[in-house]
């Protein structure tokens, strides 16, 4: 691990710990609301492809009905009937992503990096696109900021799966490379700040 990577890892751990402590009351409230809204587990765990192609279990708050995966793959915005009432609110403000701070602490993710995909889509990557697997996946990056309303974009598409594979995924990977090619602390904090700004405003 080089100097820049080590510093980013240190900030990942520090910010994630502070984040979990500060957000603990909200964390507890969400854990109470989810089972009141729909039956099932509080958390949603899904296998994703991480650093160097190694799979890990991504942690999110559950925002869909329990059998959602058997009823389709991609989430397609407001017209997706699998999303619960509480889930719509959590997704709108990205609150369902909070548990991923645990993934960051475990070293499976970074705060900043390309969003981890499921194996199905990773197998469609070209050799050039596989460059995103050389770094830890992240909670946010330039692609996450640009496509913060990705679900709504797919919801308007005639064929969401085709649109994601042929348009959205390649565009996001291209944006991923902006940080991968310049993984500086300045870019790291710039992305975190921009993400916070998008979520608030």
N, C-alpha and C. Protein backbone atom coordinates (compact mmCIF):
# COMPACT_ATOMS: atom_id res chain seq x y z
N UNK A 1 0.86 -1.20 0.00
CA UNK A 1 0.00 0.00 0.00
C UNK A 1 0.89 1.24 0.00
N UNK A 2 0.73 2.11 -1.01
CA UNK A 2 1.57 3.30 -1.08
C UNK A 2 1.08 4.37 -0.09
N UNK A 3 1.82 5.49 -0.04
CA UNK A 3 1.49 6.54 0.93
C UNK A 3 0.10 7.12 0.77
N UNK A 4 -0.30 7.39 -0.50
CA UNK A 4 -1.64 7.97 -0.74
C UNK A 4 -2.73 7.00 -0.32
N UNK A 5 -2.55 5.73 -0.68
CA UNK A 5 -3.55 4.72 -0.33
C UNK A 5 -3.67 4.56 1.18
N UNK A 6 -2.53 4.62 1.86
CA UNK A 6 -2.53 4.49 3.32
C UNK A 6 -3.26 5.66 3.97
N UNK A 7 -3.02 6.87 3.50
CA UNK A 7 -3.69 8.04 4.06
C UNK A 7 -5.19 7.98 3.82
N UNK A 8 -5.59 7.54 2.62
CA UNK A 8 -7.02 7.41 2.31
C UNK A 8 -7.66 6.37 3.22
N UNK A 9 -6.94 5.27 3.44
CA UNK A 9 -7.47 4.23 4.33
C UNK A 9 -7.64 4.76 5.75
N UNK A 10 -6.69 5.54 6.21
CA UNK A 10 -6.79 6.12 7.56
C UNK A 10 -8.01 7.03 7.66
N UNK A 11 -8.22 7.87 6.65
CA UNK A 11 -9.39 8.76 6.66
C UNK A 11 -10.68 7.96 6.51
N UNK A 12 -10.66 6.88 5.75
CA UNK A 12 -11.83 6.01 5.64
C UNK A 12 -12.26 5.52 7.02
N UNK A 13 -11.31 5.03 7.77
CA UNK A 13 -11.60 4.47 9.10
C UNK A 13 -12.09 5.57 10.05
N UNK A 14 -11.37 6.69 10.06
CA UNK A 14 -11.71 7.79 10.96
C UNK A 14 -13.10 8.36 10.66
N UNK A 15 -13.36 8.68 9.39
CA UNK A 15 -14.65 9.29 9.02
C UNK A 15 -15.80 8.31 9.21
N UNK A 16 -15.57 7.03 8.92
CA UNK A 16 -16.62 6.03 9.09
C UNK A 16 -16.99 5.86 10.55
N UNK A 17 -15.99 5.82 11.42
CA UNK A 17 -16.25 5.70 12.86
C UNK A 17 -17.04 6.90 13.37
N UNK A 18 -16.61 8.10 12.99
CA UNK A 18 -17.32 9.32 13.39
C UNK A 18 -18.75 9.30 12.83
N UNK A 19 -18.87 8.89 11.56
CA UNK A 19 -20.19 8.84 10.92
C UNK A 19 -21.14 7.90 11.64
N UNK A 20 -20.67 6.72 12.01
CA UNK A 20 -21.53 5.75 12.70
C UNK A 20 -21.93 6.25 14.08
N UNK A 21 -21.00 6.95 14.76
CA UNK A 21 -21.32 7.49 16.08
C UNK A 21 -22.35 8.61 15.99
N UNK A 22 -22.13 9.53 15.05
CA UNK A 22 -23.04 10.67 14.90
C UNK A 22 -24.41 10.22 14.41
N UNK A 23 -24.42 9.25 13.52
CA UNK A 23 -25.68 8.80 12.92
C UNK A 23 -26.36 7.68 13.70
N UNK A 24 -25.78 7.30 14.84
CA UNK A 24 -26.34 6.19 15.63
C UNK A 24 -27.83 6.37 15.97
N UNK A 25 -28.26 7.58 16.43
CA UNK A 25 -29.69 7.74 16.73
C UNK A 25 -30.57 7.53 15.49
N UNK A 26 -30.12 8.07 14.34
CA UNK A 26 -30.87 7.88 13.09
C UNK A 26 -30.87 6.41 12.70
N UNK A 27 -29.74 5.76 12.88
CA UNK A 27 -29.58 4.34 12.59
C UNK A 27 -30.64 3.54 13.35
N UNK A 28 -30.81 3.85 14.63
CA UNK A 28 -31.76 3.13 15.48
C UNK A 28 -33.20 3.39 15.04
N UNK A 29 -33.51 4.65 14.71
CA UNK A 29 -34.86 4.99 14.26
C UNK A 29 -35.22 4.22 12.99
N UNK A 30 -34.28 4.18 12.04
CA UNK A 30 -34.52 3.46 10.79
C UNK A 30 -34.72 1.97 11.06
N UNK A 31 -33.96 1.42 11.99
CA UNK A 31 -34.10 0.01 12.34
C UNK A 31 -35.46 -0.31 12.94
N UNK A 32 -36.09 0.70 13.55
CA UNK A 32 -37.44 0.51 14.12
C UNK A 32 -38.51 0.67 13.05
N UNK A 33 -38.29 1.58 12.11
CA UNK A 33 -39.30 1.89 11.09
C UNK A 33 -39.44 0.77 10.05
N UNK A 34 -38.33 0.21 9.61
CA UNK A 34 -38.37 -0.77 8.52
C UNK A 34 -39.29 -1.95 8.82
N UNK A 35 -39.17 -2.64 9.97
CA UNK A 35 -40.06 -3.78 10.24
C UNK A 35 -41.51 -3.38 10.49
N UNK A 36 -41.74 -2.12 10.87
CA UNK A 36 -43.11 -1.66 11.06
C UNK A 36 -43.81 -1.45 9.71
N UNK A 37 -43.01 -1.13 8.70
CA UNK A 37 -43.55 -0.85 7.36
C UNK A 37 -43.77 -2.12 6.56
N UNK A 38 -42.87 -3.08 6.68
CA UNK A 38 -43.01 -4.34 5.93
C UNK A 38 -42.26 -5.46 6.64
N UNK A 39 -42.77 -6.66 6.50
CA UNK A 39 -42.14 -7.81 7.15
C UNK A 39 -40.81 -8.15 6.49
N UNK A 40 -39.89 -8.62 7.32
CA UNK A 40 -38.62 -9.04 6.78
C UNK A 40 -37.45 -8.49 7.58
N UNK A 41 -36.25 -8.80 7.12
CA UNK A 41 -35.04 -8.36 7.79
C UNK A 41 -34.86 -6.84 7.68
N UNK A 42 -34.15 -6.29 8.62
CA UNK A 42 -33.85 -4.86 8.61
C UNK A 42 -32.80 -4.54 7.55
N UNK A 43 -31.83 -5.43 7.43
CA UNK A 43 -30.74 -5.20 6.50
C UNK A 43 -30.88 -6.04 5.23
N UNK A 44 -30.32 -5.52 4.16
CA UNK A 44 -30.26 -6.23 2.88
C UNK A 44 -28.80 -6.49 2.56
N UNK A 45 -28.45 -7.74 2.44
CA UNK A 45 -27.07 -8.11 2.11
C UNK A 45 -27.03 -8.71 0.71
N UNK A 46 -26.11 -8.23 -0.09
CA UNK A 46 -26.01 -8.72 -1.47
C UNK A 46 -24.55 -8.91 -1.85
N UNK A 47 -24.27 -9.98 -2.55
CA UNK A 47 -22.91 -10.25 -3.00
C UNK A 47 -22.53 -9.27 -4.10
N UNK A 48 -21.42 -8.57 -3.91
CA UNK A 48 -20.90 -7.63 -4.91
C UNK A 48 -19.44 -7.96 -5.19
N UNK A 49 -18.96 -7.49 -6.33
CA UNK A 49 -17.57 -7.74 -6.71
C UNK A 49 -16.72 -6.55 -6.29
N UNK A 50 -15.68 -6.83 -5.52
CA UNK A 50 -14.84 -5.77 -5.00
C UNK A 50 -13.44 -5.76 -5.56
N UNK A 51 -12.50 -5.35 -4.74
CA UNK A 51 -11.09 -5.20 -5.13
C UNK A 51 -10.53 -6.50 -5.70
N UNK A 52 -9.96 -6.41 -6.90
CA UNK A 52 -9.35 -7.54 -7.60
C UNK A 52 -10.32 -8.69 -7.87
N UNK A 53 -11.61 -8.34 -7.97
CA UNK A 53 -12.62 -9.33 -8.31
C UNK A 53 -13.11 -10.17 -7.16
N UNK A 54 -12.65 -9.85 -5.94
CA UNK A 54 -13.08 -10.62 -4.77
C UNK A 54 -14.49 -10.19 -4.34
N UNK A 55 -15.35 -11.17 -4.09
CA UNK A 55 -16.73 -10.86 -3.70
C UNK A 55 -16.83 -10.58 -2.20
N UNK A 56 -17.77 -9.73 -1.85
CA UNK A 56 -18.06 -9.43 -0.45
C UNK A 56 -19.54 -9.15 -0.31
N UNK A 57 -20.01 -9.07 0.92
CA UNK A 57 -21.43 -8.85 1.17
C UNK A 57 -21.68 -7.36 1.46
N UNK A 58 -22.32 -6.69 0.52
CA UNK A 58 -22.66 -5.28 0.68
C UNK A 58 -23.84 -5.16 1.65
N UNK A 59 -23.75 -4.21 2.58
CA UNK A 59 -24.80 -4.04 3.59
C UNK A 59 -25.59 -2.76 3.32
N UNK A 60 -26.90 -2.90 3.25
CA UNK A 60 -27.79 -1.74 3.12
C UNK A 60 -28.99 -1.94 4.04
N UNK A 61 -29.70 -0.85 4.32
CA UNK A 61 -31.01 -1.01 4.93
C UNK A 61 -31.95 -1.54 3.86
N UNK A 62 -32.81 -2.46 4.23
CA UNK A 62 -33.75 -3.03 3.26
C UNK A 62 -34.79 -1.98 2.85
N UNK A 63 -34.95 -1.78 1.56
CA UNK A 63 -35.92 -0.81 1.04
C UNK A 63 -36.97 -1.46 0.15
N UNK A 64 -36.88 -2.78 -0.02
CA UNK A 64 -37.81 -3.49 -0.89
C UNK A 64 -38.51 -4.62 -0.11
N UNK A 65 -39.53 -5.17 -0.71
CA UNK A 65 -40.20 -6.33 -0.13
C UNK A 65 -39.21 -7.49 -0.12
N UNK A 66 -39.44 -8.46 0.73
CA UNK A 66 -38.45 -9.51 0.96
C UNK A 66 -38.16 -10.39 -0.26
N UNK A 67 -39.12 -10.55 -1.17
CA UNK A 67 -38.89 -11.40 -2.34
C UNK A 67 -38.55 -10.58 -3.59
N UNK A 68 -38.02 -9.38 -3.38
CA UNK A 68 -37.77 -8.45 -4.49
C UNK A 68 -36.85 -9.02 -5.56
N UNK A 69 -35.79 -9.72 -5.15
CA UNK A 69 -34.82 -10.22 -6.12
C UNK A 69 -35.41 -11.26 -7.06
N UNK A 70 -36.39 -11.99 -6.58
CA UNK A 70 -37.03 -13.00 -7.44
C UNK A 70 -38.00 -12.37 -8.42
N UNK A 71 -38.26 -11.05 -8.24
CA UNK A 71 -39.21 -10.35 -9.11
C UNK A 71 -38.52 -9.33 -10.02
N UNK A 72 -37.21 -9.48 -10.18
CA UNK A 72 -36.49 -8.57 -11.08
C UNK A 72 -35.17 -8.13 -10.48
N UNK A 73 -34.28 -7.59 -11.32
CA UNK A 73 -32.95 -7.19 -10.88
C UNK A 73 -32.81 -5.71 -10.63
N UNK A 74 -32.77 -4.92 -11.70
CA UNK A 74 -32.56 -3.48 -11.58
C UNK A 74 -33.74 -2.79 -10.92
N UNK A 75 -33.44 -1.74 -10.15
CA UNK A 75 -34.48 -0.90 -9.57
C UNK A 75 -34.83 0.18 -10.57
N UNK A 76 -36.12 0.36 -10.83
CA UNK A 76 -36.53 1.27 -11.90
C UNK A 76 -37.38 2.44 -11.40
N UNK A 77 -36.86 3.11 -10.38
CA UNK A 77 -37.47 4.36 -9.95
C UNK A 77 -38.81 4.24 -9.26
N UNK A 78 -39.57 5.32 -9.35
CA UNK A 78 -40.82 5.42 -8.59
C UNK A 78 -41.86 4.41 -9.02
N UNK A 79 -41.76 3.86 -10.23
CA UNK A 79 -42.76 2.89 -10.68
C UNK A 79 -42.40 1.46 -10.32
N UNK A 80 -41.33 1.30 -9.53
CA UNK A 80 -40.93 -0.04 -9.09
C UNK A 80 -41.79 -0.43 -7.89
N UNK A 81 -42.69 -1.37 -8.09
CA UNK A 81 -43.65 -1.77 -7.06
C UNK A 81 -43.01 -2.54 -5.91
N UNK A 82 -41.76 -2.93 -6.07
CA UNK A 82 -41.09 -3.71 -5.02
C UNK A 82 -40.61 -2.83 -3.87
N UNK A 83 -40.51 -1.53 -4.10
CA UNK A 83 -40.00 -0.61 -3.06
C UNK A 83 -41.09 -0.34 -2.02
N UNK A 84 -40.75 -0.43 -0.76
CA UNK A 84 -41.71 -0.18 0.31
C UNK A 84 -41.89 1.33 0.52
N UNK A 85 -42.87 1.69 1.32
CA UNK A 85 -43.10 3.13 1.60
C UNK A 85 -41.89 3.73 2.32
N UNK A 86 -41.42 3.04 3.34
CA UNK A 86 -40.23 3.52 4.05
C UNK A 86 -39.03 3.52 3.11
N UNK A 87 -38.97 2.52 2.24
CA UNK A 87 -37.86 2.40 1.31
C UNK A 87 -37.77 3.58 0.36
N UNK A 88 -38.89 4.12 -0.06
CA UNK A 88 -38.88 5.28 -0.97
C UNK A 88 -38.22 6.48 -0.29
N UNK A 89 -38.54 6.67 0.98
CA UNK A 89 -37.95 7.79 1.73
C UNK A 89 -36.45 7.55 1.92
N UNK A 90 -36.08 6.36 2.32
CA UNK A 90 -34.66 6.04 2.55
C UNK A 90 -33.84 6.20 1.29
N UNK A 91 -34.39 5.75 0.16
CA UNK A 91 -33.68 5.86 -1.11
C UNK A 91 -33.55 7.31 -1.57
N UNK A 92 -34.60 8.09 -1.36
CA UNK A 92 -34.59 9.49 -1.80
C UNK A 92 -33.43 10.25 -1.18
N UNK A 93 -33.18 10.00 0.10
CA UNK A 93 -32.11 10.72 0.80
C UNK A 93 -30.86 9.87 1.01
N UNK A 94 -30.80 8.72 0.31
CA UNK A 94 -29.64 7.81 0.34
C UNK A 94 -29.35 7.29 1.75
N UNK A 95 -30.37 7.27 2.60
CA UNK A 95 -30.17 6.79 3.97
C UNK A 95 -29.98 5.28 4.02
N UNK A 96 -30.42 4.59 2.99
CA UNK A 96 -30.23 3.14 2.95
C UNK A 96 -28.76 2.75 2.82
N UNK A 97 -27.92 3.72 2.44
CA UNK A 97 -26.50 3.45 2.24
C UNK A 97 -25.68 3.52 3.53
N UNK A 98 -26.27 4.04 4.60
CA UNK A 98 -25.51 4.25 5.85
C UNK A 98 -24.78 2.99 6.34
N UNK A 99 -25.41 1.81 6.33
CA UNK A 99 -24.70 0.62 6.83
C UNK A 99 -23.42 0.27 6.07
N UNK A 100 -23.24 0.84 4.89
CA UNK A 100 -22.02 0.55 4.14
C UNK A 100 -20.78 1.12 4.82
N UNK A 101 -20.99 1.98 5.80
CA UNK A 101 -19.86 2.45 6.61
C UNK A 101 -19.21 1.27 7.32
N UNK A 102 -19.99 0.23 7.58
CA UNK A 102 -19.45 -1.00 8.19
C UNK A 102 -18.54 -1.71 7.19
N UNK A 103 -18.97 -1.75 5.91
CA UNK A 103 -18.13 -2.32 4.86
C UNK A 103 -16.80 -1.58 4.75
N UNK A 104 -16.88 -0.26 4.94
CA UNK A 104 -15.66 0.57 4.87
C UNK A 104 -14.72 0.22 6.03
N UNK A 105 -15.27 0.12 7.23
CA UNK A 105 -14.45 -0.23 8.39
C UNK A 105 -13.79 -1.59 8.23
N UNK A 106 -14.50 -2.52 7.59
CA UNK A 106 -13.97 -3.87 7.40
C UNK A 106 -12.90 -3.92 6.30
N UNK A 107 -12.75 -2.81 5.56
CA UNK A 107 -11.75 -2.77 4.51
C UNK A 107 -12.23 -3.31 3.18
N UNK A 108 -13.53 -3.62 3.08
CA UNK A 108 -14.10 -4.14 1.83
C UNK A 108 -14.41 -3.01 0.85
N UNK A 109 -14.60 -1.80 1.40
CA UNK A 109 -14.92 -0.65 0.60
C UNK A 109 -14.14 0.56 1.10
N UNK A 110 -14.17 1.61 0.30
CA UNK A 110 -13.64 2.92 0.70
C UNK A 110 -14.82 3.89 0.67
N UNK A 111 -14.67 5.05 1.27
CA UNK A 111 -15.72 6.06 1.15
C UNK A 111 -15.82 6.53 -0.30
N UNK A 112 -14.67 6.60 -0.98
CA UNK A 112 -14.63 7.08 -2.36
C UNK A 112 -14.08 5.99 -3.27
N UNK A 113 -14.82 5.70 -4.33
CA UNK A 113 -14.40 4.69 -5.28
C UNK A 113 -15.57 4.26 -6.14
N UNK A 114 -15.34 3.47 -7.16
CA UNK A 114 -16.42 3.02 -8.04
C UNK A 114 -17.42 2.15 -7.29
N UNK A 115 -18.70 2.34 -7.57
CA UNK A 115 -19.72 1.54 -6.93
C UNK A 115 -19.54 0.07 -7.32
N UNK A 116 -19.60 -0.85 -6.34
CA UNK A 116 -19.43 -2.27 -6.64
C UNK A 116 -20.64 -2.85 -7.36
N UNK A 117 -20.38 -3.66 -8.36
CA UNK A 117 -21.44 -4.27 -9.16
C UNK A 117 -21.65 -5.73 -8.74
N UNK A 118 -22.76 -6.29 -9.18
CA UNK A 118 -22.98 -7.73 -9.01
C UNK A 118 -22.19 -8.44 -10.10
N UNK A 119 -21.91 -9.72 -9.89
CA UNK A 119 -21.08 -10.48 -10.81
C UNK A 119 -21.61 -10.47 -12.24
N UNK A 120 -22.91 -10.51 -12.40
CA UNK A 120 -23.54 -10.54 -13.73
C UNK A 120 -23.03 -9.40 -14.62
N UNK A 121 -22.96 -8.19 -14.08
CA UNK A 121 -22.55 -7.04 -14.88
C UNK A 121 -21.03 -6.95 -15.02
N UNK A 122 -20.31 -7.39 -14.00
CA UNK A 122 -18.84 -7.37 -14.07
C UNK A 122 -18.36 -8.28 -15.20
N UNK A 123 -19.05 -9.37 -15.42
CA UNK A 123 -18.67 -10.30 -16.48
C UNK A 123 -18.87 -9.70 -17.88
N UNK A 124 -19.57 -8.58 -17.96
CA UNK A 124 -19.76 -7.89 -19.23
C UNK A 124 -18.69 -6.84 -19.49
N UNK A 125 -17.83 -6.58 -18.50
CA UNK A 125 -16.79 -5.56 -18.65
C UNK A 125 -15.81 -5.92 -19.76
N UNK A 126 -15.35 -4.89 -20.46
CA UNK A 126 -14.24 -5.07 -21.39
C UNK A 126 -12.95 -5.09 -20.56
N UNK A 127 -11.83 -5.40 -21.20
CA UNK A 127 -10.55 -5.42 -20.49
C UNK A 127 -10.24 -4.04 -19.91
N UNK A 128 -10.55 -2.99 -20.67
CA UNK A 128 -10.31 -1.64 -20.18
C UNK A 128 -11.17 -1.30 -18.98
N UNK A 129 -12.43 -1.74 -19.00
CA UNK A 129 -13.35 -1.43 -17.92
C UNK A 129 -12.99 -2.16 -16.63
N UNK A 130 -12.27 -3.28 -16.75
CA UNK A 130 -11.86 -4.05 -15.57
C UNK A 130 -10.86 -3.30 -14.70
N UNK A 131 -10.39 -2.15 -15.18
CA UNK A 131 -9.47 -1.32 -14.38
C UNK A 131 -10.12 -0.89 -13.07
N UNK A 132 -11.45 -0.79 -13.06
CA UNK A 132 -12.15 -0.35 -11.84
C UNK A 132 -12.01 -1.37 -10.71
N UNK A 133 -11.65 -2.60 -11.04
CA UNK A 133 -11.50 -3.63 -10.02
C UNK A 133 -10.14 -3.58 -9.33
N UNK A 134 -9.26 -2.69 -9.80
CA UNK A 134 -7.92 -2.58 -9.23
C UNK A 134 -7.89 -1.73 -7.96
N UNK A 135 -9.03 -1.12 -7.65
CA UNK A 135 -9.13 -0.30 -6.43
C UNK A 135 -10.31 -0.80 -5.58
N UNK A 136 -10.32 -0.39 -4.33
CA UNK A 136 -11.48 -0.72 -3.48
C UNK A 136 -12.72 -0.02 -4.03
N UNK A 137 -13.85 -0.72 -4.08
CA UNK A 137 -15.09 -0.04 -4.46
C UNK A 137 -15.46 0.99 -3.39
N UNK A 138 -16.31 1.93 -3.73
CA UNK A 138 -16.64 2.98 -2.77
C UNK A 138 -18.12 3.24 -2.63
N UNK A 139 -18.44 4.09 -1.67
CA UNK A 139 -19.82 4.52 -1.46
C UNK A 139 -20.20 5.60 -2.47
N UNK A 140 -19.22 6.44 -2.81
CA UNK A 140 -19.51 7.52 -3.76
C UNK A 140 -18.28 7.83 -4.60
N UNK A 141 -18.50 8.41 -5.76
CA UNK A 141 -17.44 8.96 -6.60
C UNK A 141 -18.10 9.86 -7.64
N UNK A 142 -17.37 10.27 -8.66
CA UNK A 142 -17.94 11.18 -9.65
C UNK A 142 -19.16 10.57 -10.35
N UNK A 143 -19.13 9.26 -10.60
CA UNK A 143 -20.26 8.60 -11.26
C UNK A 143 -21.49 8.60 -10.36
N UNK A 144 -21.30 8.39 -9.06
CA UNK A 144 -22.42 8.40 -8.12
C UNK A 144 -23.07 9.78 -8.05
N UNK A 145 -22.25 10.81 -8.14
CA UNK A 145 -22.76 12.18 -8.10
C UNK A 145 -23.53 12.49 -9.38
N UNK A 146 -22.95 12.14 -10.52
CA UNK A 146 -23.58 12.42 -11.82
C UNK A 146 -24.87 11.63 -12.00
N UNK A 147 -24.87 10.40 -11.50
CA UNK A 147 -26.05 9.53 -11.67
C UNK A 147 -26.76 9.31 -10.35
N UNK A 148 -26.89 10.37 -9.57
CA UNK A 148 -27.56 10.27 -8.27
C UNK A 148 -29.03 9.89 -8.42
N UNK A 149 -29.62 10.20 -9.59
CA UNK A 149 -31.01 9.84 -9.87
C UNK A 149 -31.10 8.71 -10.90
N UNK A 150 -30.16 7.79 -10.81
CA UNK A 150 -30.09 6.68 -11.77
C UNK A 150 -31.40 5.88 -11.85
N UNK A 151 -32.00 5.62 -10.70
CA UNK A 151 -33.23 4.83 -10.70
C UNK A 151 -34.34 5.50 -11.50
N UNK A 152 -34.40 6.84 -11.41
CA UNK A 152 -35.43 7.56 -12.17
C UNK A 152 -35.12 7.51 -13.67
N UNK A 153 -33.84 7.57 -14.02
CA UNK A 153 -33.43 7.48 -15.43
C UNK A 153 -33.87 6.13 -16.00
N UNK A 154 -33.60 5.07 -15.26
CA UNK A 154 -33.97 3.73 -15.71
C UNK A 154 -35.49 3.56 -15.72
N UNK A 155 -36.16 4.24 -14.80
CA UNK A 155 -37.62 4.15 -14.73
C UNK A 155 -38.30 4.72 -15.96
N UNK A 156 -37.63 5.65 -16.64
CA UNK A 156 -38.20 6.27 -17.84
C UNK A 156 -37.83 5.51 -19.12
N UNK A 157 -36.90 4.56 -18.98
CA UNK A 157 -36.43 3.83 -20.17
C UNK A 157 -37.43 2.76 -20.58
N UNK A 158 -37.53 2.56 -21.89
CA UNK A 158 -38.42 1.52 -22.40
C UNK A 158 -37.91 0.14 -22.02
N UNK A 159 -36.59 -0.02 -22.05
CA UNK A 159 -35.95 -1.28 -21.65
C UNK A 159 -34.84 -0.94 -20.66
N UNK A 160 -35.16 -0.90 -19.34
CA UNK A 160 -34.18 -0.48 -18.33
C UNK A 160 -32.88 -1.29 -18.35
N UNK A 161 -32.98 -2.59 -18.50
CA UNK A 161 -31.79 -3.45 -18.50
C UNK A 161 -30.87 -3.09 -19.66
N UNK A 162 -31.44 -2.93 -20.84
CA UNK A 162 -30.66 -2.58 -22.03
C UNK A 162 -30.02 -1.20 -21.87
N UNK A 163 -30.80 -0.25 -21.35
CA UNK A 163 -30.30 1.11 -21.14
C UNK A 163 -29.14 1.12 -20.15
N UNK A 164 -29.27 0.32 -19.09
CA UNK A 164 -28.20 0.27 -18.09
C UNK A 164 -26.92 -0.32 -18.68
N UNK A 165 -27.04 -1.44 -19.37
CA UNK A 165 -25.86 -2.12 -19.91
C UNK A 165 -25.18 -1.33 -21.01
N UNK A 166 -25.96 -0.73 -21.89
CA UNK A 166 -25.39 -0.08 -23.07
C UNK A 166 -25.08 1.40 -22.88
N UNK A 167 -25.75 2.06 -21.94
CA UNK A 167 -25.55 3.51 -21.78
C UNK A 167 -25.03 3.90 -20.40
N UNK A 168 -25.77 3.53 -19.36
CA UNK A 168 -25.43 3.99 -18.02
C UNK A 168 -24.13 3.37 -17.50
N UNK A 169 -24.02 2.06 -17.57
CA UNK A 169 -22.82 1.40 -17.03
C UNK A 169 -21.52 1.88 -17.68
N UNK A 170 -21.42 1.95 -19.02
CA UNK A 170 -20.18 2.46 -19.62
C UNK A 170 -19.87 3.90 -19.24
N UNK A 171 -20.92 4.73 -19.16
CA UNK A 171 -20.72 6.13 -18.79
C UNK A 171 -20.21 6.25 -17.35
N UNK A 172 -20.75 5.42 -16.46
CA UNK A 172 -20.31 5.45 -15.06
C UNK A 172 -18.87 4.98 -14.91
N UNK A 173 -18.50 3.95 -15.65
CA UNK A 173 -17.13 3.45 -15.58
C UNK A 173 -16.15 4.51 -16.07
N UNK A 174 -16.53 5.24 -17.11
CA UNK A 174 -15.68 6.31 -17.62
C UNK A 174 -15.47 7.38 -16.55
N UNK A 175 -16.54 7.70 -15.80
CA UNK A 175 -16.42 8.66 -14.71
C UNK A 175 -15.62 8.09 -13.54
N UNK A 176 -15.74 6.78 -13.31
CA UNK A 176 -14.96 6.13 -12.26
C UNK A 176 -13.47 6.38 -12.44
N UNK A 177 -13.04 6.37 -13.70
CA UNK A 177 -11.62 6.49 -14.01
C UNK A 177 -11.03 7.84 -13.60
N UNK A 178 -11.86 8.86 -13.45
CA UNK A 178 -11.37 10.18 -13.07
C UNK A 178 -10.68 10.13 -11.72
N UNK A 179 -11.25 9.38 -10.78
CA UNK A 179 -10.61 9.28 -9.46
C UNK A 179 -9.53 8.20 -9.46
N UNK A 180 -9.78 7.09 -10.16
CA UNK A 180 -8.81 6.00 -10.20
C UNK A 180 -7.46 6.49 -10.75
N UNK A 181 -7.51 7.36 -11.76
CA UNK A 181 -6.29 7.86 -12.37
C UNK A 181 -5.63 8.97 -11.54
N UNK A 182 -6.42 9.60 -10.65
CA UNK A 182 -5.88 10.67 -9.79
C UNK A 182 -6.40 10.49 -8.36
N UNK A 183 -5.94 9.42 -7.68
CA UNK A 183 -6.45 9.11 -6.33
C UNK A 183 -5.79 9.94 -5.23
N UNK A 184 -5.89 11.25 -5.35
CA UNK A 184 -5.26 12.12 -4.37
C UNK A 184 -6.22 12.42 -3.22
N UNK A 185 -5.66 12.88 -2.10
CA UNK A 185 -6.50 13.26 -0.97
C UNK A 185 -7.40 14.44 -1.33
N UNK A 186 -6.88 15.34 -2.18
CA UNK A 186 -7.67 16.49 -2.60
C UNK A 186 -8.91 16.02 -3.36
N UNK A 187 -8.74 15.07 -4.28
CA UNK A 187 -9.88 14.53 -5.02
C UNK A 187 -10.83 13.76 -4.11
N UNK A 188 -10.25 13.03 -3.16
CA UNK A 188 -11.03 12.26 -2.19
C UNK A 188 -12.00 13.18 -1.43
N UNK A 189 -11.47 14.27 -0.88
CA UNK A 189 -12.31 15.18 -0.12
C UNK A 189 -13.22 16.01 -1.03
N UNK A 190 -12.78 16.29 -2.24
CA UNK A 190 -13.62 17.01 -3.20
C UNK A 190 -14.88 16.19 -3.51
N UNK A 191 -14.72 14.90 -3.72
CA UNK A 191 -15.85 14.03 -4.02
C UNK A 191 -16.80 13.92 -2.82
N UNK A 192 -16.24 13.78 -1.63
CA UNK A 192 -17.08 13.71 -0.43
C UNK A 192 -17.89 15.00 -0.25
N UNK A 193 -17.25 16.13 -0.49
CA UNK A 193 -17.92 17.42 -0.34
C UNK A 193 -19.02 17.59 -1.38
N UNK A 194 -18.71 17.21 -2.64
CA UNK A 194 -19.71 17.33 -3.71
C UNK A 194 -20.90 16.40 -3.45
N UNK A 195 -20.61 15.22 -2.93
CA UNK A 195 -21.69 14.27 -2.62
C UNK A 195 -22.60 14.83 -1.54
N UNK A 196 -22.01 15.38 -0.50
CA UNK A 196 -22.79 15.98 0.58
C UNK A 196 -23.64 17.13 0.05
N UNK A 197 -23.05 17.94 -0.83
CA UNK A 197 -23.79 19.06 -1.41
C UNK A 197 -24.99 18.59 -2.23
N UNK A 198 -24.79 17.53 -3.03
CA UNK A 198 -25.89 17.02 -3.85
C UNK A 198 -27.02 16.47 -2.99
N UNK A 199 -26.66 15.79 -1.91
CA UNK A 199 -27.66 15.20 -1.04
C UNK A 199 -28.48 16.26 -0.30
N UNK A 200 -27.80 17.36 0.07
CA UNK A 200 -28.48 18.41 0.81
C UNK A 200 -29.30 19.31 -0.11
N UNK A 201 -28.71 19.70 -1.25
CA UNK A 201 -29.37 20.70 -2.08
C UNK A 201 -30.09 20.11 -3.30
